[in-house]
């Protein structure tokens, strides 16, 4: 299915080996082979769709001559871990093995996502690293990285705004299929639980300082840096969860998006 949305070419394709789809955004004048932003939507692992990623698709394509592959995945609780990650790996497999036939450059890929999509992006990058698949960078926008936040006793169930810890507890419980914060979790299920972070690709981590995920995101960025991974950290002063989507015209949001796009452009430069 082809159409034009926000001045971009948009194509939806089935994901081979999965029951999901991929939505591909690119400029009409894009030159092949195009570097790839492999984008993963948010929604707490329990909601959302890859068909609502116009804002990110447009932000990247307007500035960079690239293709944005917005990959779909099955949602919890009907489909707990590893369903979502397996779907994303199948979509990545299509990019790597068949993307060149569709004008994509399978050797120049950035993996990114927002909220739960940021957590899935971090997990997918870890898995690809272990499989020996080179990735140019990881872009983690207010990522949902650590199930242990859901059981912190110093955070109330109703605050912060946007996505509170009651919602967080449900999201992680649905995704993991068990109570969050346990002694162990399956490999790649919770990115922040990985011990060895060395060798992962350069990372951009962006989060507001009143976001529920602020502490876990800063801790993950710190650990990446300590492991020798280059990190660009973008902190939105006074920003709640997803503020860049809620008030996209605010200066704080524009800085957030511009910083993310700049990181993507540098990562995908050939």
Protein backbone atom coordinates (compact mmCIF):
# COMPACT_ATOMS: atom_id res chain seq x y z
CA UNK A 1 0.00 0.00 0.00
CA UNK A 2 1.47 3.34 -1.09
CA UNK A 3 0.29 6.83 -0.21
CA UNK A 4 1.61 10.29 0.53
CA UNK A 5 1.44 11.56 4.10
CA UNK A 6 2.99 14.85 5.26
CA UNK A 7 4.72 15.02 1.87
CA UNK A 8 6.43 11.67 2.38
CA UNK A 9 6.11 8.41 0.52
CA UNK A 10 4.62 5.83 2.85
CA UNK A 11 4.59 2.11 2.16
CA UNK A 12 3.27 -0.69 4.37
CA UNK A 13 4.68 -4.20 3.96
CA UNK A 14 4.08 -7.45 5.84
CA UNK A 15 6.90 -8.62 8.08
CA UNK A 16 8.11 -12.01 6.80
CA UNK A 17 7.90 -14.62 9.52
CA UNK A 18 5.66 -12.48 11.75
CA UNK A 19 2.01 -11.40 11.91
CA UNK A 20 2.98 -7.71 11.91
CA UNK A 21 3.79 -5.05 9.35
CA UNK A 22 6.48 -2.48 8.60
CA UNK A 23 5.62 1.10 7.60
CA UNK A 24 8.39 2.72 5.55
CA UNK A 25 8.67 6.51 5.30
CA UNK A 26 10.92 8.34 2.84
CA UNK A 27 11.09 11.52 0.83
CA UNK A 28 9.93 11.38 -2.78
CA UNK A 29 13.40 12.55 -3.86
CA UNK A 30 15.28 10.09 -1.63
CA UNK A 31 18.32 8.54 -3.26
CA UNK A 32 18.89 4.80 -3.03
CA UNK A 33 20.38 3.08 -1.22
CA UNK A 34 19.03 5.05 1.74
CA UNK A 35 20.39 4.68 5.28
CA UNK A 36 17.79 3.31 7.68
CA UNK A 37 16.26 4.56 10.90
CA UNK A 38 14.66 1.41 12.33
CA UNK A 39 11.99 2.94 14.57
CA UNK A 40 9.96 1.28 17.35
CA UNK A 41 6.76 2.82 18.74
CA UNK A 42 5.94 3.22 22.40
CA UNK A 43 2.91 2.33 24.48
CA UNK A 44 4.11 0.65 27.66
CA UNK A 45 4.43 -2.71 25.83
CA UNK A 46 0.63 -2.92 25.92
CA UNK A 47 -0.66 -0.40 23.34
CA UNK A 48 0.32 1.73 20.36
CA UNK A 49 0.93 1.08 16.69
CA UNK A 50 3.62 1.56 14.07
CA UNK A 51 1.03 3.40 11.97
CA UNK A 52 1.15 6.46 14.23
CA UNK A 53 4.81 7.35 13.82
CA UNK A 54 4.35 10.20 11.32
CA UNK A 55 6.00 12.78 13.58
CA UNK A 56 9.24 10.84 13.93
CA UNK A 57 9.17 9.69 10.32
CA UNK A 58 8.83 13.27 9.15
CA UNK A 59 11.44 14.61 11.59
CA UNK A 60 14.10 12.21 10.33
CA UNK A 61 13.23 12.28 6.63
CA UNK A 62 13.00 16.08 6.44
CA UNK A 63 16.58 16.50 7.65
CA UNK A 64 18.27 13.29 6.54
CA UNK A 65 18.04 11.51 3.22
CA UNK A 66 17.02 8.27 4.89
CA UNK A 67 14.23 5.74 5.12
CA UNK A 68 12.37 5.26 8.39
CA UNK A 69 11.23 1.68 8.91
CA UNK A 70 8.56 1.74 11.64
CA UNK A 71 8.30 -1.88 12.73
CA UNK A 72 5.19 -3.31 14.32
CA UNK A 73 5.16 -5.84 17.14
CA UNK A 74 2.63 -7.89 19.08
CA UNK A 75 1.43 -6.39 22.35
CA UNK A 76 1.20 -7.69 25.89
CA UNK A 77 -0.55 -9.10 27.84
CA UNK A 78 -1.88 -11.29 25.01
CA UNK A 79 1.67 -11.66 23.71
CA UNK A 80 4.25 -11.39 26.52
CA UNK A 81 8.02 -11.46 26.09
CA UNK A 82 9.68 -12.50 23.80
CA UNK A 83 6.92 -11.92 21.22
CA UNK A 84 7.58 -8.22 20.63
CA UNK A 85 11.36 -8.64 20.41
CA UNK A 86 11.02 -11.62 18.08
CA UNK A 87 8.73 -9.60 15.78
CA UNK A 88 11.25 -6.75 15.69
CA UNK A 89 14.10 -9.13 14.98
CA UNK A 90 12.09 -10.55 12.07
CA UNK A 91 11.58 -7.04 10.69
CA UNK A 92 15.26 -6.30 11.10
CA UNK A 93 16.02 -9.54 9.28
CA UNK A 94 14.00 -8.27 6.33
CA UNK A 95 15.97 -5.01 6.29
CA UNK A 96 19.28 -6.87 6.44
CA UNK A 97 18.44 -9.54 3.87
CA UNK A 98 15.97 -7.85 1.51
CA UNK A 99 16.21 -4.12 2.17
CA UNK A 100 18.66 -3.54 -0.66
CA UNK A 101 15.97 -4.67 -3.12
CA UNK A 102 13.76 -1.85 -1.80
CA UNK A 103 16.35 0.92 -1.99
CA UNK A 104 17.64 0.56 1.58
CA UNK A 105 21.24 0.38 2.79
CA UNK A 106 21.44 -2.63 5.14
CA UNK A 107 24.92 -1.63 6.25
CA UNK A 108 23.88 1.77 7.61
CA UNK A 109 21.20 1.30 10.28
CA UNK A 110 20.25 3.27 13.38
CA UNK A 111 17.87 1.60 15.86
CA UNK A 112 15.61 3.91 17.85
CA UNK A 113 12.36 4.13 19.73
CA UNK A 114 10.28 6.05 22.23
CA UNK A 115 9.18 4.96 25.72
CA UNK A 116 8.58 1.18 25.59
CA UNK A 117 9.88 1.44 22.03
CA UNK A 118 13.09 2.86 23.45
CA UNK A 119 13.34 -0.10 25.79
CA UNK A 120 12.75 -2.49 22.91
CA UNK A 121 15.33 -0.59 20.84
CA UNK A 122 17.92 -1.05 23.60
CA UNK A 123 17.04 -4.75 23.88
CA UNK A 124 17.18 -5.29 20.12
CA UNK A 125 20.57 -3.58 19.93
CA UNK A 126 21.88 -5.86 22.67
CA UNK A 127 20.62 -8.93 20.83
CA UNK A 128 22.01 -7.77 17.48
CA UNK A 129 25.37 -7.05 19.10
CA UNK A 130 25.53 -10.56 20.50
CA UNK A 131 24.64 -11.94 17.06
CA UNK A 132 27.44 -9.96 15.44
CA UNK A 133 25.18 -7.58 13.50
CA UNK A 134 26.77 -4.10 13.24
CA UNK A 135 24.51 -1.14 14.04
CA UNK A 136 25.56 2.50 13.70
CA UNK A 137 23.77 3.81 16.77
CA UNK A 138 20.88 3.55 19.21
CA UNK A 139 18.45 6.39 19.84
CA UNK A 140 16.53 5.99 23.09
CA UNK A 141 13.78 8.57 23.65
CA UNK A 142 12.50 8.51 27.28
CA UNK A 143 13.10 4.74 27.22
CA UNK A 144 11.34 2.23 29.49
CA UNK A 145 14.40 0.21 30.50
CA UNK A 146 14.09 -1.17 34.01
CA UNK A 147 11.25 -3.18 35.58
CA UNK A 148 12.65 -2.47 39.05
CA UNK A 149 11.34 1.09 38.87
CA UNK A 150 7.82 -0.38 39.02
CA UNK A 151 8.40 -1.68 42.54
CA UNK A 152 10.22 1.31 44.00
CA UNK A 153 8.57 2.22 47.30
CA UNK A 154 9.71 5.86 47.12
CA UNK A 155 7.57 6.55 44.03
CA UNK A 156 3.82 6.97 44.40
CA UNK A 157 1.35 5.14 42.18
CA UNK A 158 -0.25 8.31 40.78
CA UNK A 159 2.70 10.52 39.93
CA UNK A 160 4.59 11.56 37.82
CA UNK A 161 2.40 12.84 35.00
CA UNK A 162 1.82 11.06 31.71
CA UNK A 163 2.87 7.56 32.73
CA UNK A 164 2.77 6.85 36.44
CA UNK A 165 4.16 3.93 38.40
CA UNK A 166 0.80 2.21 38.62
CA UNK A 167 0.70 2.11 34.82
CA UNK A 168 4.36 1.14 34.80
CA UNK A 169 3.74 -1.82 37.12
CA UNK A 170 0.94 -3.06 34.89
CA UNK A 171 2.96 -2.62 31.71
CA UNK A 172 5.94 -4.56 33.02
CA UNK A 173 3.73 -7.26 34.57
CA UNK A 174 1.95 -7.73 31.24
CA UNK A 175 5.18 -7.81 29.25
CA UNK A 176 7.13 -10.11 31.56
CA UNK A 177 4.16 -12.32 32.41
CA UNK A 178 5.12 -12.11 36.07
CA UNK A 179 5.60 -9.62 38.89
CA UNK A 180 8.25 -7.03 37.98
CA UNK A 181 11.34 -6.48 40.10
CA UNK A 182 12.12 -10.15 40.61
CA UNK A 183 15.57 -11.52 41.29
CA UNK A 184 16.14 -12.47 37.65
CA UNK A 185 14.61 -11.79 34.24
CA UNK A 186 15.04 -13.51 30.85
CA UNK A 187 17.90 -12.33 28.67
CA UNK A 188 16.99 -9.20 26.64
CA UNK A 189 13.66 -8.76 28.48
CA UNK A 190 14.90 -5.86 30.61
CA UNK A 191 17.75 -3.90 28.98
CA UNK A 192 18.90 -2.28 32.23
CA UNK A 193 19.52 -5.71 33.76
CA UNK A 194 22.31 -6.56 31.31
CA UNK A 195 25.68 -6.67 33.08
CA UNK A 196 28.05 -6.18 30.14
CA UNK A 197 27.42 -3.07 28.03
CA UNK A 198 30.82 -2.74 26.42
CA UNK A 199 30.94 -2.81 22.64
CA UNK A 200 27.39 -1.57 22.12
CA UNK A 201 26.95 1.15 19.48
CA UNK A 202 26.94 4.88 20.37
CA UNK A 203 23.79 5.97 22.14
CA UNK A 204 21.55 9.02 22.38
CA UNK A 205 19.44 9.06 25.54
CA UNK A 206 16.80 11.76 25.96
CA UNK A 207 14.45 12.20 28.92
CA UNK A 208 12.66 14.90 30.90
CA UNK A 209 13.80 15.47 34.47
CA UNK A 210 10.31 14.84 35.90
CA UNK A 211 9.76 11.71 33.82
CA UNK A 212 9.16 8.50 35.78
CA UNK A 213 12.05 6.97 33.84
CA UNK A 214 14.53 9.76 34.61
CA UNK A 215 16.58 7.84 37.17
CA UNK A 216 16.74 4.58 35.22
CA UNK A 217 17.59 6.38 31.99
CA UNK A 218 20.42 8.38 33.54
CA UNK A 219 21.74 5.24 35.21
CA UNK A 220 21.76 3.35 31.90
CA UNK A 221 23.49 6.26 30.16
CA UNK A 222 26.10 6.35 32.94
CA UNK A 223 26.75 2.62 32.71
CA UNK A 224 27.10 2.82 28.93
CA UNK A 225 29.68 5.58 29.33
CA UNK A 226 31.56 3.63 31.98
CA UNK A 227 31.68 0.69 29.56
CA UNK A 228 33.29 2.90 26.91
CA UNK A 229 30.18 3.54 24.79
CA UNK A 230 29.87 7.14 23.48
CA UNK A 231 26.68 8.69 24.87
CA UNK A 232 24.82 11.87 24.00
CA UNK A 233 22.49 12.80 26.85
CA UNK A 234 19.57 15.21 26.33
CA UNK A 235 17.73 16.24 29.51
CA UNK A 236 14.54 18.29 29.27
CA UNK A 237 14.26 20.59 32.28
CA UNK A 238 10.71 20.36 33.61
CA UNK A 239 9.75 17.75 31.03
CA UNK A 240 7.27 14.97 31.93
CA UNK A 241 7.07 11.70 30.06
CA UNK A 242 6.59 12.18 26.33
CA UNK A 243 6.56 15.97 26.58
CA UNK A 244 8.05 16.31 23.09
CA UNK A 245 4.94 14.65 21.66
CA UNK A 246 2.45 16.41 23.94
CA UNK A 247 3.69 19.94 23.18
CA UNK A 248 5.79 19.58 20.01
CA UNK A 249 6.01 23.33 19.36
CA UNK A 250 7.45 24.18 22.77
CA UNK A 251 11.12 25.18 22.73
CA UNK A 252 12.02 22.32 25.08
CA UNK A 253 10.42 19.85 22.65
CA UNK A 254 12.05 21.36 19.61
CA UNK A 255 15.47 21.05 21.29
CA UNK A 256 14.72 17.42 22.10
CA UNK A 257 13.74 16.54 18.52
CA UNK A 258 16.60 18.55 17.01
CA UNK A 259 19.12 16.80 19.25
CA UNK A 260 17.75 13.38 18.30
CA UNK A 261 17.78 14.18 14.58
CA UNK A 262 21.33 15.55 14.80
CA UNK A 263 22.50 12.32 16.45
CA UNK A 264 20.76 10.28 13.77
CA UNK A 265 22.32 12.34 10.97
CA UNK A 266 25.82 11.90 12.37
CA UNK A 267 25.29 8.19 12.99
CA UNK A 268 24.06 7.57 9.44
CA UNK A 269 26.66 9.71 7.67
CA UNK A 270 28.56 7.72 5.04
